Amino acid sequence: MRPIDPLFHLLADRFCHDGIGNFLVGAALLIFASGRLEIAWTSLSVLLLVVMVISGGLIFIGLNLITAVSAFWIMDSVPVTRLVFDNHLFAQFPLSIYPRAIGILLTWLIPYGFASFYPASYLLGRPGGTLALLSPLVAVVVLAIGYRLWLFGLRHYASTGS
C-alpha cells in the first residue's frame, strides 16, 4: 500500500504529457478557425468555452474511470476499456452524420457528444447546441458514477494472492 489515495495514484500514473501538446495545438486551431469563421467572441462565450473544455475533459476522465473499474473483476480488462475509449473517435465528427441510434448512444449512454459536438454546435449557433449547457452536469454525473464504481471496486476487490 502506498501512502496516497489509490485513485490519485492511478490518475497521476496515467497522466499523458502529450495531452499538453494536443491542447496547445487545439487552442491554436480554434483561434485560427474562429478567425476564419468570423466568430464574435464575448466574455460569456469565452467563459462558456472554458467551462465546456473542462467539462469535456472531466467526461473523458469519468468514462475512462468507469471502464477501468472492470479491472477489479476481469483479468484482461483492456478490451472493455478499448470498447468505450475507441468510441471517442466517433465524436471527432458531427453526430448529425450518424444514424439516430448512434447519436443517441453517443449523447446519453456514452456521452462523448457533450464533450465535443454539442459545445461546438452551441458556439457556432447550430441546432441542438443548447444541449451543451448540460455538459457540466453530465460531467459531474459521469464522474460521480465512475467514482462510486471505483469505491465499490475497492471495497469488493479480492486479490489473487500471488
N, C-alpha and C. Protein backbone atom coordinates (compact mmCIF):
# COMPACT_ATOMS: atom_id res chain seq x y z
N MET A 1 0.84 -1.19 0.00
CA MET A 1 0.00 0.00 0.00
C MET A 1 0.89 1.25 0.00
N ARG A 2 0.48 2.19 -0.79
CA ARG A 2 1.20 3.46 -0.84
C ARG A 2 0.48 4.45 0.07
N PRO A 3 1.19 5.45 0.55
CA PRO A 3 0.56 6.40 1.49
C PRO A 3 -0.29 7.47 0.79
N ILE A 4 -0.69 7.23 -0.45
CA ILE A 4 -1.55 8.19 -1.14
C ILE A 4 -2.81 7.46 -1.59
N ASP A 5 -3.81 8.25 -1.92
CA ASP A 5 -5.08 7.70 -2.39
C ASP A 5 -4.85 6.90 -3.68
N PRO A 6 -5.39 5.68 -3.77
CA PRO A 6 -5.16 4.85 -4.96
C PRO A 6 -5.67 5.49 -6.26
N LEU A 7 -6.78 6.21 -6.19
CA LEU A 7 -7.29 6.85 -7.39
C LEU A 7 -6.36 7.96 -7.85
N PHE A 8 -5.87 8.75 -6.90
CA PHE A 8 -4.90 9.80 -7.26
C PHE A 8 -3.66 9.17 -7.88
N HIS A 9 -3.20 8.07 -7.30
CA HIS A 9 -2.03 7.39 -7.84
C HIS A 9 -2.29 6.93 -9.27
N LEU A 10 -3.45 6.34 -9.52
CA LEU A 10 -3.80 5.87 -10.85
C LEU A 10 -3.83 7.02 -11.85
N LEU A 11 -4.50 8.12 -11.47
CA LEU A 11 -4.61 9.26 -12.38
C LEU A 11 -3.24 9.90 -12.63
N ALA A 12 -2.44 10.03 -11.59
CA ALA A 12 -1.11 10.62 -11.75
C ALA A 12 -0.21 9.72 -12.59
N ASP A 13 -0.35 8.41 -12.41
CA ASP A 13 0.47 7.47 -13.15
C ASP A 13 0.09 7.45 -14.63
N ARG A 14 -1.18 7.69 -14.93
CA ARG A 14 -1.67 7.63 -16.31
C ARG A 14 -1.65 9.00 -16.99
N PHE A 15 -1.17 10.04 -16.32
CA PHE A 15 -1.13 11.37 -16.91
C PHE A 15 -0.28 11.35 -18.16
N CYS A 16 -0.81 11.85 -19.24
CA CYS A 16 -0.13 11.82 -20.53
C CYS A 16 0.35 13.23 -20.88
N HIS A 17 1.66 13.40 -20.92
CA HIS A 17 2.22 14.71 -21.23
C HIS A 17 1.92 15.14 -22.66
N ASP A 18 1.66 14.18 -23.53
CA ASP A 18 1.30 14.50 -24.91
C ASP A 18 0.02 15.32 -24.96
N GLY A 19 -0.82 15.15 -23.96
CA GLY A 19 -2.08 15.89 -23.92
C GLY A 19 -1.87 17.39 -23.87
N ILE A 20 -0.78 17.84 -23.26
CA ILE A 20 -0.50 19.28 -23.20
C ILE A 20 -0.25 19.81 -24.61
N GLY A 21 0.54 19.08 -25.38
CA GLY A 21 0.78 19.49 -26.76
C GLY A 21 -0.49 19.45 -27.59
N ASN A 22 -1.30 18.41 -27.40
CA ASN A 22 -2.57 18.32 -28.11
C ASN A 22 -3.48 19.50 -27.77
N PHE A 23 -3.48 19.88 -26.49
CA PHE A 23 -4.29 21.01 -26.06
C PHE A 23 -3.81 22.30 -26.73
N LEU A 24 -2.50 22.51 -26.76
CA LEU A 24 -1.96 23.73 -27.37
C LEU A 24 -2.25 23.78 -28.88
N VAL A 25 -2.11 22.65 -29.55
CA VAL A 25 -2.43 22.60 -30.98
C VAL A 25 -3.92 22.87 -31.19
N GLY A 26 -4.76 22.28 -30.35
CA GLY A 26 -6.19 22.51 -30.44
C GLY A 26 -6.55 23.97 -30.21
N ALA A 27 -5.90 24.60 -29.23
CA ALA A 27 -6.15 26.02 -28.96
C ALA A 27 -5.74 26.87 -30.16
N ALA A 28 -4.59 26.56 -30.76
CA ALA A 28 -4.14 27.31 -31.93
C ALA A 28 -5.11 27.13 -33.10
N LEU A 29 -5.57 25.90 -33.31
CA LEU A 29 -6.54 25.65 -34.38
C LEU A 29 -7.86 26.36 -34.12
N LEU A 30 -8.29 26.40 -32.87
CA LEU A 30 -9.53 27.09 -32.53
C LEU A 30 -9.40 28.58 -32.82
N ILE A 31 -8.28 29.17 -32.45
CA ILE A 31 -8.08 30.60 -32.71
C ILE A 31 -8.06 30.87 -34.21
N PHE A 32 -7.33 30.04 -34.95
CA PHE A 32 -7.25 30.20 -36.40
C PHE A 32 -8.62 30.04 -37.05
N ALA A 33 -9.33 28.96 -36.70
CA ALA A 33 -10.63 28.67 -37.31
C ALA A 33 -11.68 29.71 -36.93
N SER A 34 -11.66 30.17 -35.68
CA SER A 34 -12.67 31.15 -35.27
C SER A 34 -12.47 32.47 -36.01
N GLY A 35 -11.23 32.79 -36.36
CA GLY A 35 -10.98 33.98 -37.17
C GLY A 35 -11.54 33.81 -38.58
N ARG A 36 -11.35 32.63 -39.14
CA ARG A 36 -11.86 32.34 -40.49
C ARG A 36 -13.39 32.26 -40.51
N LEU A 37 -13.97 31.77 -39.42
CA LEU A 37 -15.43 31.64 -39.35
C LEU A 37 -16.09 32.94 -38.87
N GLU A 38 -15.26 33.91 -38.53
CA GLU A 38 -15.74 35.21 -38.04
C GLU A 38 -16.65 35.07 -36.84
N ILE A 39 -16.20 34.25 -35.88
CA ILE A 39 -16.95 34.08 -34.64
C ILE A 39 -16.68 35.30 -33.77
N ALA A 40 -17.75 35.92 -33.31
CA ALA A 40 -17.62 37.09 -32.44
C ALA A 40 -17.53 36.60 -30.99
N TRP A 41 -16.34 36.68 -30.43
CA TRP A 41 -16.13 36.22 -29.06
C TRP A 41 -16.54 37.31 -28.08
N THR A 42 -17.31 36.89 -27.08
CA THR A 42 -17.67 37.78 -25.98
C THR A 42 -17.10 37.18 -24.70
N SER A 43 -17.17 37.92 -23.63
CA SER A 43 -16.70 37.38 -22.35
C SER A 43 -17.48 36.13 -21.98
N LEU A 44 -18.79 36.14 -22.26
CA LEU A 44 -19.63 34.99 -21.94
C LEU A 44 -19.26 33.78 -22.79
N SER A 45 -19.03 33.98 -24.08
CA SER A 45 -18.69 32.84 -24.93
C SER A 45 -17.32 32.27 -24.59
N VAL A 46 -16.38 33.11 -24.19
CA VAL A 46 -15.07 32.61 -23.75
C VAL A 46 -15.22 31.82 -22.45
N LEU A 47 -16.02 32.34 -21.52
CA LEU A 47 -16.28 31.62 -20.27
C LEU A 47 -16.94 30.28 -20.55
N LEU A 48 -17.93 30.27 -21.44
CA LEU A 48 -18.60 29.01 -21.80
C LEU A 48 -17.62 28.04 -22.46
N LEU A 49 -16.73 28.56 -23.29
CA LEU A 49 -15.73 27.70 -23.92
C LEU A 49 -14.85 27.03 -22.86
N VAL A 50 -14.39 27.80 -21.90
CA VAL A 50 -13.55 27.25 -20.83
C VAL A 50 -14.32 26.19 -20.04
N VAL A 51 -15.57 26.49 -19.69
CA VAL A 51 -16.39 25.53 -18.95
C VAL A 51 -16.61 24.27 -19.77
N MET A 52 -16.85 24.42 -21.07
CA MET A 52 -17.09 23.26 -21.93
C MET A 52 -15.83 22.41 -22.10
N VAL A 53 -14.68 23.05 -22.21
CA VAL A 53 -13.43 22.29 -22.35
C VAL A 53 -13.15 21.51 -21.07
N ILE A 54 -13.33 22.15 -19.93
CA ILE A 54 -13.13 21.46 -18.65
C ILE A 54 -14.15 20.33 -18.50
N SER A 55 -15.40 20.61 -18.83
CA SER A 55 -16.44 19.58 -18.73
C SER A 55 -16.12 18.40 -19.65
N GLY A 56 -15.68 18.68 -20.86
CA GLY A 56 -15.32 17.62 -21.79
C GLY A 56 -14.19 16.76 -21.26
N GLY A 57 -13.18 17.39 -20.69
CA GLY A 57 -12.09 16.63 -20.09
C GLY A 57 -12.57 15.76 -18.95
N LEU A 58 -13.44 16.28 -18.12
CA LEU A 58 -13.97 15.51 -16.99
C LEU A 58 -14.85 14.35 -17.47
N ILE A 59 -15.57 14.55 -18.57
CA ILE A 59 -16.38 13.47 -19.13
C ILE A 59 -15.45 12.34 -19.58
N PHE A 60 -14.37 12.69 -20.27
CA PHE A 60 -13.42 11.66 -20.70
C PHE A 60 -12.81 10.93 -19.51
N ILE A 61 -12.43 11.67 -18.47
CA ILE A 61 -11.87 11.04 -17.27
C ILE A 61 -12.90 10.10 -16.65
N GLY A 62 -14.13 10.57 -16.50
CA GLY A 62 -15.18 9.75 -15.90
C GLY A 62 -15.46 8.48 -16.68
N LEU A 63 -15.55 8.59 -18.00
CA LEU A 63 -15.81 7.40 -18.82
C LEU A 63 -14.65 6.42 -18.76
N ASN A 64 -13.43 6.94 -18.76
CA ASN A 64 -12.28 6.05 -18.65
C ASN A 64 -12.24 5.37 -17.28
N LEU A 65 -12.61 6.10 -16.23
CA LEU A 65 -12.64 5.52 -14.89
C LEU A 65 -13.71 4.42 -14.81
N ILE A 66 -14.86 4.68 -15.38
CA ILE A 66 -15.95 3.68 -15.36
C ILE A 66 -15.49 2.38 -16.00
N THR A 67 -14.83 2.47 -17.13
CA THR A 67 -14.39 1.24 -17.80
C THR A 67 -13.17 0.63 -17.12
N ALA A 68 -12.30 1.45 -16.55
CA ALA A 68 -11.10 0.93 -15.89
C ALA A 68 -11.45 0.13 -14.64
N VAL A 69 -12.58 0.43 -14.03
CA VAL A 69 -13.00 -0.28 -12.82
C VAL A 69 -13.22 -1.76 -13.11
N SER A 70 -13.49 -2.09 -14.37
CA SER A 70 -13.69 -3.50 -14.70
C SER A 70 -12.45 -4.33 -14.39
N ALA A 71 -11.29 -3.70 -14.27
CA ALA A 71 -10.05 -4.42 -13.96
C ALA A 71 -10.10 -5.07 -12.58
N PHE A 72 -11.00 -4.62 -11.70
CA PHE A 72 -11.13 -5.25 -10.39
C PHE A 72 -11.64 -6.69 -10.51
N TRP A 73 -12.41 -6.97 -11.55
CA TRP A 73 -13.05 -8.27 -11.67
C TRP A 73 -12.66 -9.06 -12.92
N ILE A 74 -12.15 -8.39 -13.93
CA ILE A 74 -11.81 -9.06 -15.19
C ILE A 74 -10.30 -9.09 -15.32
N MET A 75 -9.77 -10.27 -15.57
CA MET A 75 -8.32 -10.43 -15.66
C MET A 75 -7.74 -9.55 -16.77
N ASP A 76 -8.36 -9.58 -17.95
CA ASP A 76 -7.89 -8.76 -19.06
C ASP A 76 -8.97 -7.73 -19.38
N SER A 77 -8.88 -6.57 -18.73
CA SER A 77 -9.91 -5.55 -18.88
C SER A 77 -9.65 -4.61 -20.05
N VAL A 78 -8.55 -4.78 -20.74
CA VAL A 78 -8.21 -3.88 -21.85
C VAL A 78 -9.31 -3.87 -22.93
N PRO A 79 -9.86 -5.03 -23.33
CA PRO A 79 -10.93 -4.96 -24.34
C PRO A 79 -12.14 -4.13 -23.89
N VAL A 80 -12.46 -4.16 -22.62
CA VAL A 80 -13.59 -3.38 -22.12
C VAL A 80 -13.27 -1.89 -22.22
N THR A 81 -12.10 -1.51 -21.79
CA THR A 81 -11.73 -0.09 -21.85
C THR A 81 -11.59 0.37 -23.29
N ARG A 82 -11.05 -0.47 -24.15
CA ARG A 82 -10.89 -0.10 -25.57
C ARG A 82 -12.25 0.07 -26.23
N LEU A 83 -13.22 -0.77 -25.85
CA LEU A 83 -14.56 -0.69 -26.43
C LEU A 83 -15.14 0.70 -26.27
N VAL A 84 -15.03 1.26 -25.09
CA VAL A 84 -15.58 2.59 -24.84
C VAL A 84 -14.63 3.67 -25.34
N PHE A 85 -13.35 3.52 -25.05
CA PHE A 85 -12.39 4.57 -25.41
C PHE A 85 -12.31 4.77 -26.91
N ASP A 86 -12.33 3.70 -27.68
CA ASP A 86 -12.24 3.84 -29.13
C ASP A 86 -13.46 4.51 -29.73
N ASN A 87 -14.56 4.50 -29.00
CA ASN A 87 -15.76 5.18 -29.49
C ASN A 87 -15.61 6.69 -29.49
N HIS A 88 -14.59 7.21 -28.79
CA HIS A 88 -14.41 8.66 -28.80
C HIS A 88 -14.06 9.15 -30.21
N LEU A 89 -13.61 8.24 -31.08
CA LEU A 89 -13.31 8.62 -32.46
C LEU A 89 -14.58 9.07 -33.19
N PHE A 90 -15.73 8.52 -32.80
CA PHE A 90 -16.99 8.96 -33.39
C PHE A 90 -17.25 10.44 -33.08
N ALA A 91 -16.77 10.89 -31.93
CA ALA A 91 -17.04 12.26 -31.50
C ALA A 91 -16.20 13.28 -32.27
N GLN A 92 -15.27 12.82 -33.09
CA GLN A 92 -14.48 13.76 -33.89
C GLN A 92 -15.28 14.30 -35.07
N PHE A 93 -16.44 13.72 -35.32
CA PHE A 93 -17.28 14.14 -36.43
C PHE A 93 -18.63 14.57 -35.88
N PRO A 94 -19.36 15.38 -36.64
CA PRO A 94 -20.69 15.80 -36.17
C PRO A 94 -21.60 14.59 -35.94
N LEU A 95 -22.27 14.58 -34.82
CA LEU A 95 -23.18 13.46 -34.54
C LEU A 95 -24.33 13.41 -35.55
N SER A 96 -24.60 14.51 -36.19
CA SER A 96 -25.71 14.56 -37.14
C SER A 96 -25.45 13.72 -38.40
N ILE A 97 -24.22 13.29 -38.65
CA ILE A 97 -23.95 12.47 -39.84
C ILE A 97 -24.23 10.99 -39.59
N TYR A 98 -24.42 10.63 -38.34
CA TYR A 98 -24.63 9.22 -37.99
C TYR A 98 -26.12 8.90 -37.91
N PRO A 99 -26.46 7.62 -38.01
CA PRO A 99 -27.86 7.24 -37.78
C PRO A 99 -28.30 7.68 -36.38
N ARG A 100 -29.57 7.89 -36.24
CA ARG A 100 -30.13 8.41 -34.97
C ARG A 100 -29.71 7.55 -33.77
N ALA A 101 -29.67 6.24 -33.93
CA ALA A 101 -29.30 5.35 -32.81
C ALA A 101 -27.88 5.64 -32.33
N ILE A 102 -26.95 5.89 -33.25
CA ILE A 102 -25.57 6.22 -32.86
C ILE A 102 -25.54 7.56 -32.14
N GLY A 103 -26.31 8.52 -32.64
CA GLY A 103 -26.38 9.83 -31.99
C GLY A 103 -26.90 9.72 -30.56
N ILE A 104 -27.92 8.90 -30.36
CA ILE A 104 -28.46 8.69 -29.01
C ILE A 104 -27.43 8.01 -28.13
N LEU A 105 -26.75 6.99 -28.65
CA LEU A 105 -25.71 6.28 -27.91
C LEU A 105 -24.60 7.23 -27.46
N LEU A 106 -24.15 8.09 -28.37
CA LEU A 106 -23.03 9.00 -28.07
C LEU A 106 -23.47 10.27 -27.35
N THR A 107 -24.77 10.38 -27.10
CA THR A 107 -25.26 11.50 -26.31
C THR A 107 -25.62 11.06 -24.90
N TRP A 108 -26.36 9.98 -24.77
CA TRP A 108 -26.92 9.63 -23.47
C TRP A 108 -26.28 8.41 -22.81
N LEU A 109 -25.74 7.47 -23.57
CA LEU A 109 -25.14 6.29 -22.96
C LEU A 109 -23.63 6.46 -22.76
N ILE A 110 -22.95 6.83 -23.80
CA ILE A 110 -21.52 7.15 -23.74
C ILE A 110 -21.43 8.61 -24.19
N PRO A 111 -21.57 9.57 -23.28
CA PRO A 111 -21.86 10.96 -23.64
C PRO A 111 -20.69 11.78 -24.22
N TYR A 112 -20.05 11.23 -25.24
CA TYR A 112 -18.98 11.98 -25.89
C TYR A 112 -19.50 13.22 -26.61
N GLY A 113 -20.77 13.21 -27.01
CA GLY A 113 -21.35 14.38 -27.67
C GLY A 113 -21.31 15.62 -26.80
N PHE A 114 -21.40 15.43 -25.48
CA PHE A 114 -21.35 16.56 -24.56
C PHE A 114 -19.92 17.09 -24.38
N ALA A 115 -18.94 16.32 -24.86
CA ALA A 115 -17.55 16.75 -24.75
C ALA A 115 -17.09 17.48 -26.01
N SER A 116 -17.83 17.34 -27.11
CA SER A 116 -17.34 17.95 -28.34
C SER A 116 -18.47 18.52 -29.22
N PHE A 117 -19.36 17.66 -29.68
CA PHE A 117 -20.35 18.07 -30.68
C PHE A 117 -21.27 19.19 -30.19
N TYR A 118 -21.88 19.00 -29.05
CA TYR A 118 -22.84 20.00 -28.58
C TYR A 118 -22.18 21.33 -28.20
N PRO A 119 -21.02 21.31 -27.54
CA PRO A 119 -20.36 22.60 -27.30
C PRO A 119 -19.98 23.32 -28.60
N ALA A 120 -19.47 22.58 -29.59
CA ALA A 120 -19.13 23.21 -30.88
C ALA A 120 -20.39 23.74 -31.55
N SER A 121 -21.47 22.97 -31.50
CA SER A 121 -22.73 23.42 -32.10
C SER A 121 -23.23 24.69 -31.42
N TYR A 122 -23.07 24.75 -30.11
CA TYR A 122 -23.52 25.94 -29.37
C TYR A 122 -22.72 27.17 -29.78
N LEU A 123 -21.40 27.02 -29.81
CA LEU A 123 -20.55 28.17 -30.16
C LEU A 123 -20.75 28.61 -31.61
N LEU A 124 -21.14 27.68 -32.48
CA LEU A 124 -21.38 28.02 -33.88
C LEU A 124 -22.83 28.42 -34.16
N GLY A 125 -23.67 28.35 -33.11
CA GLY A 125 -25.07 28.73 -33.27
C GLY A 125 -25.87 27.72 -34.08
N ARG A 126 -25.48 26.47 -34.03
CA ARG A 126 -26.15 25.42 -34.79
C ARG A 126 -27.28 24.79 -33.97
N PRO A 127 -28.23 24.14 -34.66
CA PRO A 127 -29.33 23.48 -33.95
C PRO A 127 -28.81 22.41 -32.98
N GLY A 128 -29.47 22.30 -31.85
CA GLY A 128 -29.10 21.31 -30.84
C GLY A 128 -27.98 21.76 -29.92
N GLY A 129 -27.41 22.90 -30.23
CA GLY A 129 -26.28 23.37 -29.43
C GLY A 129 -26.62 23.70 -28.00
N THR A 130 -27.88 23.97 -27.72
CA THR A 130 -28.24 24.31 -26.34
C THR A 130 -28.04 23.13 -25.40
N LEU A 131 -27.96 21.91 -25.93
CA LEU A 131 -27.64 20.76 -25.07
C LEU A 131 -26.27 20.91 -24.42
N ALA A 132 -25.41 21.74 -25.02
CA ALA A 132 -24.08 21.96 -24.47
C ALA A 132 -24.15 22.52 -23.05
N LEU A 133 -25.22 23.21 -22.74
CA LEU A 133 -25.35 23.78 -21.40
C LEU A 133 -25.48 22.70 -20.34
N LEU A 134 -25.80 21.48 -20.77
CA LEU A 134 -25.87 20.35 -19.83
C LEU A 134 -24.50 19.69 -19.61
N SER A 135 -23.50 20.08 -20.38
CA SER A 135 -22.18 19.43 -20.29
C SER A 135 -21.60 19.41 -18.88
N PRO A 136 -21.64 20.52 -18.12
CA PRO A 136 -21.10 20.44 -16.76
C PRO A 136 -21.86 19.44 -15.88
N LEU A 137 -23.18 19.40 -16.03
CA LEU A 137 -23.99 18.45 -15.27
C LEU A 137 -23.66 17.01 -15.68
N VAL A 138 -23.54 16.77 -16.97
CA VAL A 138 -23.18 15.44 -17.46
C VAL A 138 -21.81 15.04 -16.92
N ALA A 139 -20.87 15.98 -16.92
CA ALA A 139 -19.52 15.69 -16.39
C ALA A 139 -19.58 15.28 -14.93
N VAL A 140 -20.36 16.00 -14.14
CA VAL A 140 -20.49 15.68 -12.72
C VAL A 140 -21.12 14.30 -12.53
N VAL A 141 -22.17 14.01 -13.30
CA VAL A 141 -22.85 12.72 -13.18
C VAL A 141 -21.91 11.57 -13.58
N VAL A 142 -21.21 11.72 -14.71
CA VAL A 142 -20.31 10.66 -15.17
C VAL A 142 -19.17 10.46 -14.16
N LEU A 143 -18.62 11.56 -13.65
CA LEU A 143 -17.56 11.43 -12.64
C LEU A 143 -18.08 10.78 -11.37
N ALA A 144 -19.28 11.16 -10.95
CA ALA A 144 -19.86 10.58 -9.73
C ALA A 144 -20.08 9.08 -9.90
N ILE A 145 -20.60 8.68 -11.05
CA ILE A 145 -20.79 7.25 -11.31
C ILE A 145 -19.45 6.53 -11.30
N GLY A 146 -18.48 7.10 -11.99
CA GLY A 146 -17.15 6.49 -12.02
C GLY A 146 -16.53 6.37 -10.65
N TYR A 147 -16.66 7.41 -9.84
CA TYR A 147 -16.07 7.39 -8.51
C TYR A 147 -16.79 6.38 -7.61
N ARG A 148 -18.11 6.32 -7.70
CA ARG A 148 -18.86 5.34 -6.89
C ARG A 148 -18.49 3.91 -7.29
N LEU A 149 -18.35 3.67 -8.59
CA LEU A 149 -17.92 2.34 -9.06
C LEU A 149 -16.50 2.03 -8.58
N TRP A 150 -15.64 3.04 -8.59
CA TRP A 150 -14.27 2.87 -8.10
C TRP A 150 -14.28 2.46 -6.63
N LEU A 151 -15.06 3.18 -5.83
CA LEU A 151 -15.14 2.85 -4.40
C LEU A 151 -15.72 1.45 -4.19
N PHE A 152 -16.75 1.11 -4.97
CA PHE A 152 -17.33 -0.23 -4.89
C PHE A 152 -16.27 -1.28 -5.23
N GLY A 153 -15.51 -1.05 -6.28
CA GLY A 153 -14.45 -1.97 -6.67
C GLY A 153 -13.39 -2.13 -5.61
N LEU A 154 -13.01 -1.01 -4.99
CA LEU A 154 -12.00 -1.09 -3.91
C LEU A 154 -12.50 -1.90 -2.73
N ARG A 155 -13.78 -1.69 -2.37
CA ARG A 155 -14.34 -2.41 -1.22
C ARG A 155 -14.49 -3.90 -1.49
N HIS A 156 -14.75 -4.27 -2.73
CA HIS A 156 -15.05 -5.67 -3.04
C HIS A 156 -13.93 -6.37 -3.79
N TYR A 157 -12.78 -5.76 -3.85
CA TYR A 157 -11.66 -6.36 -4.57
C TYR A 157 -11.04 -7.47 -3.72
N ALA A 158 -10.80 -8.60 -4.34
CA ALA A 158 -10.12 -9.71 -3.66
C ALA A 158 -8.93 -10.10 -4.52
N SER A 159 -7.75 -9.89 -4.02
CA SER A 159 -6.54 -10.19 -4.76
C SER A 159 -6.41 -11.70 -4.98
N THR A 160 -5.66 -12.05 -5.99
CA THR A 160 -5.40 -13.47 -6.25
C THR A 160 -4.41 -14.03 -5.25
N GLY A 161 -3.73 -13.17 -4.56
CA GLY A 161 -2.77 -13.60 -3.55
C GLY A 161 -1.40 -13.91 -4.12
N SER A 162 -1.23 -13.74 -5.41
CA SER A 162 0.08 -14.03 -5.98
C SER A 162 0.88 -12.78 -6.20
